[in-house]
Amino acid sequence: ETHNHPTAISPFPGAATGSGGEIRDEAATGRGARPKAGLCGFSVSHLDLPGLDLPWRKDFGKPDRIASALDIMIEGPVGAASFNNEFGRPNLAGYFRTFEQEIGGEAWGYHKPIMIAGGMGTIRASLVEKKPLTEGAHVIVLGGPAMLIGLGGGAASSVGSGLGQEDLDYASVQRGNPEMQRRCQEVIDACWALGENNPILSVHDCGAGGLSNALPELVHDGGR
């Protein structure tokens, strides 16, 4: 998955929560799975390294609230690796690309960066398919308090860089909590380890849409 907008606004937490969200995608597969290894990748505009005077370089400018390409590449990979490490999953691979060029009088580049989070995990074959929700089934929310953080993240990610309100841009950046996410993973691991006795009928990750998105999807997919 990508976490472009948050990484543009605040590279460390933006990239960190990108990796955290992808980890939840893996854990919420079927009736529960286990994330094993991660990757992260970045596409940014020209780095403009201090002291490196390139005669062909043009400064196209950027919105003030968007981090520079250099700041993104200094802080972003560390944020992604940090969340992976604190969760207990190694970040083993990735990619980096820088591109900025004027073509036909228009500037092209990645002022709003591409931040890709990926990974791989394992799941038991018998737990790949989610089960219908039975009458009386409990709907359980695992995790810590979100507080008034990350609100509007999904909507903000769909807006062109610099077009939204500045205060909403900053508010839409989530804060990572890998320790709490690891605790949730331990619960999921304990359940799927029971095999056919796994009490989980269906599991869904909670992302930018929050509970108002995750719970209706969980219930609807369960046939209710």
C-alpha atoms as a PDB file:
ATOM      1  CA  GLU A   1       0.000   0.000   0.000  1.00  0.00           C
ATOM      2  CA  THR A   2       1.031   3.635  -0.255  1.00  0.00           C
ATOM      3  CA  HIS A   3       1.242   6.381   2.358  1.00  0.00           C
ATOM      4  CA  ASN A   4       2.151   9.302   0.124  1.00  0.00           C
ATOM      5  CA  HIS A   5       0.313  12.253   1.669  1.00  0.00           C
ATOM      6  CA  PRO A   6       1.300  11.680   5.329  1.00  0.00           C
ATOM      7  CA  THR A   7       4.928  11.097   4.321  1.00  0.00           C
ATOM      8  CA  ALA A   8       4.922  14.378   2.374  1.00  0.00           C
ATOM      9  CA  ILE A   9       3.631  16.310   5.388  1.00  0.00           C
ATOM     10  CA  SER A  10       5.637  14.557   8.128  1.00  0.00           C
ATOM     11  CA  PRO A  11       8.068  11.945   6.793  1.00  0.00           C
ATOM     12  CA  PHE A  12       8.892   9.902   9.914  1.00  0.00           C
ATOM     13  CA  PRO A  13       5.369   9.248  11.260  1.00  0.00           C
ATOM     14  CA  GLY A  14       3.979   9.188   7.718  1.00  0.00           C
ATOM     15  CA  ALA A  15       6.246   6.366   6.593  1.00  0.00           C
ATOM     16  CA  ALA A  16       6.043   4.615   9.971  1.00  0.00           C
ATOM     17  CA  THR A  17       2.252   4.392   9.920  1.00  0.00           C
ATOM     18  CA  GLY A  18       2.408   3.332   6.276  1.00  0.00           C
ATOM     19  CA  SER A  19       4.366   0.278   7.358  1.00  0.00           C
ATOM     20  CA  GLY A  20       2.091  -0.205  10.367  1.00  0.00           C
ATOM     21  CA  GLY A  21      -1.001  -0.188   8.167  1.00  0.00           C
ATOM     22  CA  GLU A  22       0.484  -2.751   5.801  1.00  0.00           C
ATOM     23  CA  ILE A  23       1.328  -4.995   8.762  1.00  0.00           C
ATOM     24  CA  ARG A  24      -2.332  -4.850   9.810  1.00  0.00           C
ATOM     25  CA  ASP A  25      -3.366  -5.815   6.275  1.00  0.00           C
ATOM     26  CA  GLU A  26      -1.346  -9.000   6.610  1.00  0.00           C
ATOM     27  CA  ALA A  27      -2.592  -9.810  10.111  1.00  0.00           C
ATOM     28  CA  ALA A  28      -6.228  -9.294   9.076  1.00  0.00           C
ATOM     29  CA  THR A  29      -6.129 -11.810   6.231  1.00  0.00           C
ATOM     30  CA  GLY A  30      -8.790 -14.538   6.442  1.00  0.00           C
ATOM     31  CA  ARG A  31      -9.274 -15.541  10.063  1.00  0.00           C
ATOM     32  CA  GLY A  32      -5.873 -14.293  11.190  1.00  0.00           C
ATOM     33  CA  ALA A  33      -2.327 -14.435   9.858  1.00  0.00           C
ATOM     34  CA  ARG A  34       1.204 -13.554  10.869  1.00  0.00           C
ATOM     35  CA  PRO A  35       3.341 -10.772   9.286  1.00  0.00           C
ATOM     36  CA  LYS A  36       6.923 -11.920   8.691  1.00  0.00           C
ATOM     37  CA  ALA A  37       9.016  -9.395   6.718  1.00  0.00           C
ATOM     38  CA  GLY A  38       8.563  -5.905   5.307  1.00  0.00           C
ATOM     39  CA  LEU A  39       9.779  -3.595   2.587  1.00  0.00           C
ATOM     40  CA  CYS A  40       9.512   0.126   1.915  1.00  0.00           C
ATOM     41  CA  GLY A  41      10.144   2.270  -1.142  1.00  0.00           C
ATOM     42  CA  PHE A  42      10.305   5.969  -1.978  1.00  0.00           C
ATOM     43  CA  SER A  43      10.061   8.119  -5.111  1.00  0.00           C
ATOM     44  CA  VAL A  44      10.917  11.790  -4.533  1.00  0.00           C
ATOM     45  CA  SER A  45      11.889  14.881  -6.496  1.00  0.00           C
ATOM     46  CA  HIS A  46      15.500  16.060  -6.804  1.00  0.00           C
ATOM     47  CA  LEU A  47      17.392  15.768  -3.506  1.00  0.00           C
ATOM     48  CA  ASP A  48      19.170  19.142  -3.836  1.00  0.00           C
ATOM     49  CA  LEU A  49      22.084  17.989  -1.717  1.00  0.00           C
ATOM     50  CA  PRO A  50      23.715  20.921   0.153  1.00  0.00           C
ATOM     51  CA  GLY A  51      26.959  22.061  -1.471  1.00  0.00           C
ATOM     52  CA  LEU A  52      26.305  20.158  -4.702  1.00  0.00           C
ATOM     53  CA  ASP A  53      25.915  22.933  -7.279  1.00  0.00           C
ATOM     54  CA  LEU A  54      24.496  21.432 -10.477  1.00  0.00           C
ATOM     55  CA  PRO A  55      24.366  24.006 -13.307  1.00  0.00           C
ATOM     56  CA  TRP A  56      21.387  22.344 -15.007  1.00  0.00           C
ATOM     57  CA  ARG A  57      19.251  22.354 -11.855  1.00  0.00           C
ATOM     58  CA  LYS A  58      16.125  24.509 -11.690  1.00  0.00           C
ATOM     59  CA  ASP A  59      14.301  25.300  -8.470  1.00  0.00           C
ATOM     60  CA  PHE A  60      10.620  24.700  -9.206  1.00  0.00           C
ATOM     61  CA  GLY A  61       9.582  25.476  -5.634  1.00  0.00           C
ATOM     62  CA  LYS A  62       7.135  23.491  -3.497  1.00  0.00           C
ATOM     63  CA  PRO A  63       4.263  24.060  -1.053  1.00  0.00           C
ATOM     64  CA  ASP A  64       5.721  25.208   2.289  1.00  0.00           C
ATOM     65  CA  ARG A  65       4.058  22.490   4.372  1.00  0.00           C
ATOM     66  CA  ILE A  66       5.455  19.655   2.261  1.00  0.00           C
ATOM     67  CA  ALA A  67       8.817  18.313   3.389  1.00  0.00           C
ATOM     68  CA  SER A  68      11.775  18.526   1.016  1.00  0.00           C
ATOM     69  CA  ALA A  69      12.877  15.474  -0.947  1.00  0.00           C
ATOM     70  CA  LEU A  70      16.065  15.322   1.144  1.00  0.00           C
ATOM     71  CA  ASP A  71      14.170  15.473   4.449  1.00  0.00           C
ATOM     72  CA  ILE A  72      11.840  12.727   3.227  1.00  0.00           C
ATOM     73  CA  MET A  73      14.772  10.465   2.352  1.00  0.00           C
ATOM     74  CA  ILE A  74      16.529  11.159   5.653  1.00  0.00           C
ATOM     75  CA  GLU A  75      13.498  10.628   7.903  1.00  0.00           C
ATOM     76  CA  GLY A  76      11.094   8.426   5.905  1.00  0.00           C
ATOM     77  CA  PRO A  77      13.135   5.204   5.637  1.00  0.00           C
ATOM     78  CA  VAL A  78      14.046   5.465   9.314  1.00  0.00           C
ATOM     79  CA  GLY A  79      10.354   5.826  10.222  1.00  0.00           C
ATOM     80  CA  ALA A  80       9.385   2.760   8.201  1.00  0.00           C
ATOM     81  CA  ALA A  81      12.253   0.671   9.583  1.00  0.00           C
ATOM     82  CA  SER A  82      11.571   1.879  13.121  1.00  0.00           C
ATOM     83  CA  PHE A  83       7.940   0.736  13.117  1.00  0.00           C
ATOM     84  CA  ASN A  84       8.922  -2.625  11.630  1.00  0.00           C
ATOM     85  CA  ASN A  85      11.641  -3.121  14.240  1.00  0.00           C
ATOM     86  CA  GLU A  86       9.518  -2.084  17.212  1.00  0.00           C
ATOM     87  CA  PHE A  87       6.701  -4.325  16.027  1.00  0.00           C
ATOM     88  CA  GLY A  88       9.143  -7.208  15.691  1.00  0.00           C
ATOM     89  CA  ARG A  89       9.261  -7.638  11.908  1.00  0.00           C
ATOM     90  CA  PRO A  90      12.449  -6.989   9.882  1.00  0.00           C
ATOM     91  CA  ASN A  91      12.367  -4.524   6.999  1.00  0.00           C
ATOM     92  CA  LEU A  92      14.395  -6.445   4.440  1.00  0.00           C
ATOM     93  CA  ALA A  93      13.992  -4.717   1.086  1.00  0.00           C
ATOM     94  CA  GLY A  94      13.046  -1.515  -0.655  1.00  0.00           C
ATOM     95  CA  TYR A  95      13.715   0.903  -3.483  1.00  0.00           C
ATOM     96  CA  PHE A  96      14.618   4.565  -3.983  1.00  0.00           C
ATOM     97  CA  ARG A  97      14.040   6.787  -7.006  1.00  0.00           C
ATOM     98  CA  THR A  98      14.575  10.499  -7.554  1.00  0.00           C
ATOM     99  CA  PHE A  99      13.117  12.260 -10.595  1.00  0.00           C
ATOM    100  CA  GLU A 100      12.450  15.837 -11.583  1.00  0.00           C
ATOM    101  CA  GLN A 101      12.387  17.225 -15.136  1.00  0.00           C
ATOM    102  CA  GLU A 102      10.910  20.062 -17.170  1.00  0.00           C
ATOM    103  CA  ILE A 103       9.103  18.767 -20.250  1.00  0.00           C
ATOM    104  CA  GLY A 104       7.251  21.068 -22.644  1.00  0.00           C
ATOM    105  CA  GLY A 105       7.313  23.923 -20.160  1.00  0.00           C
ATOM    106  CA  GLU A 106       5.841  21.780 -17.358  1.00  0.00           C
ATOM    107  CA  ALA A 107       7.701  20.533 -14.296  1.00  0.00           C
ATOM    108  CA  TRP A 108       7.350  16.848 -13.492  1.00  0.00           C
ATOM    109  CA  GLY A 109       8.501  15.179 -10.305  1.00  0.00           C
ATOM    110  CA  TYR A 110       7.529  13.710  -6.962  1.00  0.00           C
ATOM    111  CA  HIS A 111       7.041  16.719  -4.656  1.00  0.00           C
ATOM    112  CA  LYS A 112       4.242  14.619  -3.202  1.00  0.00           C
ATOM    113  CA  PRO A 113       6.350  11.492  -2.775  1.00  0.00           C
ATOM    114  CA  ILE A 114       5.463   7.899  -3.455  1.00  0.00           C
ATOM    115  CA  MET A 115       5.858   5.947  -0.206  1.00  0.00           C
ATOM    116  CA  ILE A 116       5.229   2.231  -0.682  1.00  0.00           C
ATOM    117  CA  ALA A 117       4.934  -0.213   2.217  1.00  0.00           C
ATOM    118  CA  GLY A 118       4.839  -3.916   1.499  1.00  0.00           C
ATOM    119  CA  GLY A 119       5.632  -7.228   3.063  1.00  0.00           C
ATOM    120  CA  MET A 120       4.943 -10.907   3.341  1.00  0.00           C
ATOM    121  CA  GLY A 121       3.482 -13.179   5.973  1.00  0.00           C
ATOM    122  CA  THR A 122       2.181 -16.665   6.602  1.00  0.00           C
ATOM    123  CA  ILE A 123      -1.312 -18.065   7.012  1.00  0.00           C
ATOM    124  CA  ARG A 124      -2.694 -21.554   7.570  1.00  0.00           C
ATOM    125  CA  ALA A 125      -4.523 -22.881   4.511  1.00  0.00           C
ATOM    126  CA  SER A 126      -7.592 -23.709   6.607  1.00  0.00           C
ATOM    127  CA  LEU A 127      -7.872 -20.080   7.787  1.00  0.00           C
ATOM    128  CA  VAL A 128      -7.707 -18.275   4.419  1.00  0.00           C
ATOM    129  CA  GLU A 129     -11.497 -17.979   4.049  1.00  0.00           C
ATOM    130  CA  LYS A 130     -13.441 -15.782   6.462  1.00  0.00           C
ATOM    131  CA  LYS A 131     -16.587 -17.320   7.954  1.00  0.00           C
ATOM    132  CA  PRO A 132     -20.105 -15.840   8.046  1.00  0.00           C
ATOM    133  CA  LEU A 133     -20.938 -14.062  11.297  1.00  0.00           C
ATOM    134  CA  THR A 134     -23.290 -16.124  13.427  1.00  0.00           C
ATOM    135  CA  GLU A 135     -26.117 -14.696  15.511  1.00  0.00           C
ATOM    136  CA  GLY A 136     -24.769 -13.559  18.863  1.00  0.00           C
ATOM    137  CA  ALA A 137     -21.172 -13.257  17.626  1.00  0.00           C
ATOM    138  CA  HIS A 138     -19.101 -10.680  19.490  1.00  0.00           C
ATOM    139  CA  VAL A 139     -17.632  -7.736  17.598  1.00  0.00           C
ATOM    140  CA  ILE A 140     -14.327  -6.944  19.300  1.00  0.00           C
ATOM    141  CA  VAL A 141     -12.102  -3.905  18.760  1.00  0.00           C
ATOM    142  CA  LEU A 142      -8.420  -4.451  19.583  1.00  0.00           C
ATOM    143  CA  GLY A 143      -6.039  -1.533  20.063  1.00  0.00           C
ATOM    144  CA  GLY A 144      -5.275   1.617  21.978  1.00  0.00           C
ATOM    145  CA  PRO A 145      -6.847   5.074  21.971  1.00  0.00           C
ATOM    146  CA  ALA A 146      -6.619   6.934  18.655  1.00  0.00           C
ATOM    147  CA  MET A 147      -7.502  10.322  20.195  1.00  0.00           C
ATOM    148  CA  LEU A 148      -8.059  13.229  17.782  1.00  0.00           C
ATOM    149  CA  ILE A 149      -5.143  12.174  15.592  1.00  0.00           C
ATOM    150  CA  GLY A 150      -5.136  11.125  11.947  1.00  0.00           C
ATOM    151  CA  LEU A 151      -8.633  12.432  11.311  1.00  0.00           C
ATOM    152  CA  GLY A 152      -9.463  12.782   7.640  1.00  0.00           C
ATOM    153  CA  GLY A 153      -6.348  10.885   6.586  1.00  0.00           C
ATOM    154  CA  GLY A 154      -8.133   8.931   3.870  1.00  0.00           C
ATOM    155  CA  ALA A 155      -9.758  12.038   2.397  1.00  0.00           C
ATOM    156  CA  ALA A 156      -6.578  14.115   2.636  1.00  0.00           C
ATOM    157  CA  SER A 157      -4.609  11.463   0.768  1.00  0.00           C
ATOM    158  CA  SER A 158      -6.858  11.914  -2.262  1.00  0.00           C
ATOM    159  CA  VAL A 159      -6.313  15.675  -2.554  1.00  0.00           C
ATOM    160  CA  GLY A 160      -3.570  17.211  -4.689  1.00  0.00           C
ATOM    161  CA  SER A 161      -0.578  18.335  -2.664  1.00  0.00           C
ATOM    162  CA  GLY A 162      -0.934  21.823  -1.269  1.00  0.00           C
ATOM    163  CA  LEU A 163      -4.615  22.121  -2.198  1.00  0.00           C
ATOM    164  CA  GLY A 164      -6.057  21.266   1.233  1.00  0.00           C
ATOM    165  CA  GLN A 165      -6.196  23.387   4.352  1.00  0.00           C
ATOM    166  CA  GLU A 166      -2.836  23.445   6.112  1.00  0.00           C
ATOM    167  CA  ASP A 167      -4.173  22.609   9.592  1.00  0.00           C
ATOM    168  CA  LEU A 168      -6.095  19.637   8.184  1.00  0.00           C
ATOM    169  CA  ASP A 169      -2.959  18.392   6.419  1.00  0.00           C
ATOM    170  CA  TYR A 170      -1.078  18.148   9.712  1.00  0.00           C
ATOM    171  CA  ALA A 171      -4.048  16.717  11.610  1.00  0.00           C
ATOM    172  CA  SER A 172      -4.400  13.919   9.050  1.00  0.00           C
ATOM    173  CA  VAL A 173      -0.989  12.410   9.858  1.00  0.00           C
ATOM    174  CA  GLN A 174      -1.374   9.388  12.114  1.00  0.00           C
ATOM    175  CA  ARG A 175       0.956   8.536  15.004  1.00  0.00           C
ATOM    176  CA  GLY A 176       2.471   5.082  15.150  1.00  0.00           C
ATOM    177  CA  ASN A 177       2.008   2.779  18.141  1.00  0.00           C
ATOM    178  CA  PRO A 178       3.957  -0.382  17.250  1.00  0.00           C
ATOM    179  CA  GLU A 179       3.973  -1.670  20.832  1.00  0.00           C
ATOM    180  CA  MET A 180       0.167  -1.705  21.027  1.00  0.00           C
ATOM    181  CA  GLN A 181      -0.027  -3.174  17.530  1.00  0.00           C
ATOM    182  CA  ARG A 182       2.311  -5.974  18.614  1.00  0.00           C
ATOM    183  CA  ARG A 183       0.042  -6.726  21.576  1.00  0.00           C
ATOM    184  CA  CYS A 184      -2.910  -7.010  19.198  1.00  0.00           C
ATOM    185  CA  GLN A 185      -0.872  -9.333  16.986  1.00  0.00           C
ATOM    186  CA  GLU A 186      -0.145 -11.584  19.967  1.00  0.00           C
ATOM    187  CA  VAL A 187      -3.894 -12.003  20.492  1.00  0.00           C
ATOM    188  CA  ILE A 188      -4.413 -12.851  16.812  1.00  0.00           C
ATOM    189  CA  ASP A 189      -1.468 -15.288  16.907  1.00  0.00           C
ATOM    190  CA  ALA A 190      -2.892 -17.049  19.944  1.00  0.00           C
ATOM    191  CA  CYS A 191      -6.214 -17.482  18.142  1.00  0.00           C
ATOM    192  CA  TRP A 192      -4.968 -18.775  14.777  1.00  0.00           C
ATOM    193  CA  ALA A 193      -2.559 -21.119  16.542  1.00  0.00           C
ATOM    194  CA  LEU A 194      -5.653 -23.055  17.690  1.00  0.00           C
ATOM    195  CA  GLY A 195      -6.278 -24.121  14.088  1.00  0.00           C
ATOM    196  CA  GLU A 196      -9.855 -25.304  13.597  1.00  0.00           C
ATOM    197  CA  ASN A 197     -10.642 -24.150  17.139  1.00  0.00           C
ATOM    198  CA  ASN A 198      -9.728 -20.575  16.198  1.00  0.00           C
ATOM    199  CA  PRO A 199     -12.510 -18.410  17.733  1.00  0.00           C
ATOM    200  CA  ILE A 200     -12.038 -15.691  15.070  1.00  0.00           C
ATOM    201  CA  LEU A 201     -14.720 -15.870  12.375  1.00  0.00           C
ATOM    202  CA  SER A 202     -13.465 -12.800  10.513  1.00  0.00           C
ATOM    203  CA  VAL A 203     -10.836 -10.152  11.173  1.00  0.00           C
ATOM    204  CA  HIS A 204     -10.545  -6.672   9.617  1.00  0.00           C
ATOM    205  CA  ASP A 205      -7.818  -4.060   9.876  1.00  0.00           C
ATOM    206  CA  CYS A 206      -8.687  -0.537  11.018  1.00  0.00           C
ATOM    207  CA  GLY A 207      -7.055   2.057   8.780  1.00  0.00           C
ATOM    208  CA  ALA A 208      -7.606   5.645   7.649  1.00  0.00           C
ATOM    209  CA  GLY A 209     -11.387   5.227   7.556  1.00  0.00           C
ATOM    210  CA  GLY A 210     -11.481   4.405  11.274  1.00  0.00           C
ATOM    211  CA  LEU A 211     -14.169   2.367  12.992  1.00  0.00           C
ATOM    212  CA  SER A 212     -16.888   3.916  10.817  1.00  0.00           C
ATOM    213  CA  ASN A 213     -15.282   2.146   7.873  1.00  0.00           C
ATOM    214  CA  ALA A 214     -13.827  -1.026   9.406  1.00  0.00           C
ATOM    215  CA  LEU A 215     -16.826  -2.239  11.415  1.00  0.00           C
ATOM    216  CA  PRO A 216     -19.503  -1.838   8.696  1.00  0.00           C
ATOM    217  CA  GLU A 217     -17.214  -3.677   6.248  1.00  0.00           C
ATOM    218  CA  LEU A 218     -16.589  -6.453   8.779  1.00  0.00           C
ATOM    219  CA  VAL A 219     -20.302  -6.918   9.473  1.00  0.00           C
ATOM    220  CA  HIS A 220     -21.351  -6.608   5.820  1.00  0.00           C
ATOM    221  CA  ASP A 221     -18.734  -9.111   4.632  1.00  0.00           C
ATOM    222  CA  GLY A 222     -19.934 -11.451   7.374  1.00  0.00           C
ATOM    223  CA  GLY A 223     -23.428 -11.477   5.865  1.00  0.00           C
ATOM    224  CA  ARG A 224     -25.137  -9.194   8.400  1.00  0.00           C
END
